[in-house]
Amino acid sequence: MTVDAIFERLNGEWAVISAAWLTLAILSMFVGGVVWAVVHFPSRRHLANLKKCLQLRDDQLVDAKAQIKSLERDLESVEGEGQARQEAVVASLREQLASAQRRLMAAPRHAGLAFSESPRPAKFAELFGSGSAIDGRLTKGEAGSGWSWRFTN
């Protein structure tokens, strides 16, 4: 059926339609209401589902931001603890080195050996004799027959 055929038929029945205008108005409102309900309710349900999903995402975003802030605070505290641990380790190493230096310097020396006979005590005295090795700096110095490195302040 073509559009022209529909208009021809409607034109032929126009006298009947114009005589029953009240029935036509009621029928038109009923059909319009049914079409509106068919279109409105599924889209309304879909919009409600979309709003729920959006609210859920907003809640997840707020939770994620709170977790990020918590992790940032934890990271700052861990970094502070790590720095404190490093300082404690360095202090412990300095104390161990100082203790080793004191023990070395307090160790009994062999009376039978002179410094000229054994270069080892001279090198220990040169290395650990003055100040802390960690706090000192390396300098070149002559010791006996060749070059050696020693720590000085």
Protein backbone atom coordinates (compact mmCIF):
# COMPACT_ATOMS: atom_id res chain seq x y z
CA MET A 1 0.00 0.00 0.00
CA THR A 2 1.45 3.34 -0.99
CA VAL A 3 1.04 6.75 0.55
CA ASP A 4 -1.23 7.87 -2.28
CA ALA A 5 -3.51 4.87 -1.71
CA ILE A 6 -3.74 5.72 1.99
CA PHE A 7 -4.69 9.32 1.25
CA GLU A 8 -7.32 8.19 -1.31
CA ARG A 9 -8.91 5.83 1.15
CA LEU A 10 -8.84 8.45 3.95
CA ASN A 11 -10.45 10.97 1.59
CA GLY A 12 -13.17 8.47 0.76
CA GLU A 13 -13.99 7.87 4.41
CA TRP A 14 -13.67 11.45 5.56
CA ALA A 15 -17.43 11.85 5.92
CA VAL A 16 -17.56 8.98 8.46
CA ILE A 17 -14.50 10.30 10.35
CA SER A 18 -15.88 13.85 10.60
CA ALA A 19 -19.21 12.52 11.92
CA ALA A 20 -17.47 10.57 14.75
CA TRP A 21 -14.92 13.19 15.84
CA LEU A 22 -15.42 12.49 19.57
CA THR A 23 -14.62 8.79 19.13
CA LEU A 24 -11.60 9.72 17.01
CA ALA A 25 -10.31 12.14 19.73
CA ILE A 26 -10.70 9.53 22.47
CA LEU A 27 -9.05 6.86 20.33
CA SER A 28 -6.19 9.25 19.45
CA MET A 29 -5.58 10.08 23.13
CA PHE A 30 -5.59 6.38 24.00
CA VAL A 31 -3.11 5.52 21.25
CA GLY A 32 -0.93 8.52 22.26
CA GLY A 33 -0.98 7.38 25.91
CA VAL A 34 0.04 3.86 24.97
CA VAL A 35 2.90 5.14 22.79
CA TRP A 36 4.03 7.49 25.57
CA ALA A 37 3.99 4.65 28.14
CA VAL A 38 5.91 2.34 25.82
CA VAL A 39 8.59 4.99 25.27
CA HIS A 40 8.65 6.56 28.74
CA PHE A 41 8.84 3.62 31.17
CA PRO A 42 11.79 1.71 29.67
CA SER A 43 13.78 4.92 29.26
CA ARG A 44 12.87 5.94 32.81
CA ARG A 45 14.12 2.59 34.12
CA HIS A 46 17.28 2.95 32.03
CA LEU A 47 17.88 6.45 33.40
CA ALA A 48 17.41 5.19 36.96
CA ASN A 49 19.99 2.44 36.32
CA LEU A 50 22.41 4.99 34.87
CA LYS A 51 21.96 7.23 37.94
CA LYS A 52 22.70 4.28 40.24
CA CYS A 53 25.85 3.44 38.26
CA LEU A 54 26.95 7.08 38.38
CA GLN A 55 26.41 7.23 42.15
CA LEU A 56 28.39 3.99 42.56
CA ARG A 57 31.27 5.43 40.50
CA ASP A 58 31.22 8.62 42.55
CA ASP A 59 31.43 6.59 45.77
CA GLN A 60 34.30 4.55 44.34
CA LEU A 61 36.10 7.75 43.34
CA VAL A 62 35.76 9.18 46.86
CA ASP A 63 37.06 5.90 48.33
CA ALA A 64 39.99 5.85 45.91
CA LYS A 65 40.93 9.44 46.80
CA ALA A 66 40.82 8.58 50.49
CA GLN A 67 43.04 5.54 49.89
CA ILE A 68 45.51 7.65 47.91
CA LYS A 69 45.76 10.18 50.73
CA SER A 70 46.25 7.38 53.25
CA LEU A 71 48.97 5.80 51.10
CA GLU A 72 50.70 9.16 50.69
CA ARG A 73 50.77 9.60 54.49
CA ASP A 74 52.10 6.05 54.88
CA LEU A 75 54.76 6.70 52.24
CA GLU A 76 55.91 9.86 54.01
CA SER A 77 56.19 8.02 57.32
CA VAL A 78 58.06 5.14 55.68
CA GLU A 79 60.46 7.59 54.02
CA GLY A 80 61.06 9.25 57.38
CA GLU A 81 61.66 5.88 59.02
CA GLY A 82 64.02 4.89 56.20
CA GLN A 83 66.05 8.05 56.63
CA ALA A 84 66.19 7.52 60.39
CA ARG A 85 67.36 3.92 59.84
CA GLN A 86 70.07 5.09 57.44
CA GLU A 87 71.30 7.62 59.97
CA ALA A 88 71.29 4.95 62.69
CA VAL A 89 73.27 2.57 60.48
CA VAL A 90 75.83 5.26 59.65
CA ALA A 91 76.17 6.13 63.34
CA SER A 92 76.59 2.44 64.20
CA LEU A 93 79.23 2.01 61.50
CA ARG A 94 81.10 5.06 62.76
CA GLU A 95 81.02 3.68 66.28
CA GLN A 96 82.26 0.28 65.09
CA LEU A 97 85.07 1.92 63.15
CA ALA A 98 86.07 4.03 66.14
CA SER A 99 86.00 0.92 68.35
CA ALA A 100 88.16 -0.98 65.85
CA GLN A 101 90.61 1.93 65.75
CA ARG A 102 90.82 2.01 69.55
CA ARG A 103 91.43 -1.75 69.70
CA LEU A 104 94.06 -1.54 67.00
CA MET A 105 95.85 1.29 68.71
CA ALA A 106 95.62 -0.47 72.09
CA ALA A 107 96.86 -3.80 70.71
CA PRO A 108 100.20 -4.86 72.18
CA ARG A 109 103.11 -4.10 69.92
CA HIS A 110 105.88 -6.54 69.41
CA ALA A 111 108.91 -5.20 71.22
CA GLY A 112 111.34 -7.17 69.11
CA LEU A 113 110.32 -5.55 65.82
CA ALA A 114 111.23 -2.03 64.94
CA PHE A 115 109.20 0.08 62.58
CA SER A 116 111.98 -0.11 60.04
CA GLU A 117 111.85 -3.91 60.05
CA SER A 118 108.06 -4.21 59.56
CA PRO A 119 106.09 -1.65 57.54
CA ARG A 120 102.73 -3.02 58.73
CA PRO A 121 102.51 -1.17 62.09
CA ALA A 122 103.64 2.00 60.38
CA LYS A 123 100.86 1.66 57.82
CA PHE A 124 98.27 1.02 60.56
CA ALA A 125 99.48 4.07 62.41
CA GLU A 126 99.36 6.05 59.20
CA LEU A 127 95.83 4.88 58.37
CA PHE A 128 94.20 5.02 61.79
CA GLY A 129 96.46 7.33 63.72
CA SER A 130 94.67 10.65 63.46
CA GLY A 131 90.88 11.08 63.45
CA SER A 132 88.01 9.06 62.06
CA ALA A 133 88.51 7.58 58.61
CA ILE A 134 84.89 8.24 57.60
CA ASP A 135 85.09 11.92 58.52
CA GLY A 136 88.54 12.39 56.93
CA ARG A 137 89.59 12.69 53.33
CA LEU A 138 92.03 10.74 51.21
CA THR A 139 95.40 12.34 50.56
CA LYS A 140 98.53 11.09 48.91
CA GLY A 141 101.55 10.76 51.08
CA GLU A 142 104.90 9.14 50.83
CA ALA A 143 105.52 6.21 53.12
CA GLY A 144 108.86 4.56 52.89
CA SER A 145 109.68 3.43 49.38
CA GLY A 146 106.41 4.05 47.49
CA TRP A 147 103.12 5.87 47.29
CA SER A 148 100.39 5.06 49.78
CA TRP A 149 96.98 6.48 50.64
CA ARG A 150 96.06 7.65 54.09
CA PHE A 151 93.11 9.30 55.81
CA THR A 152 93.63 12.73 57.29
CA ASN A 153 91.41 15.42 58.77
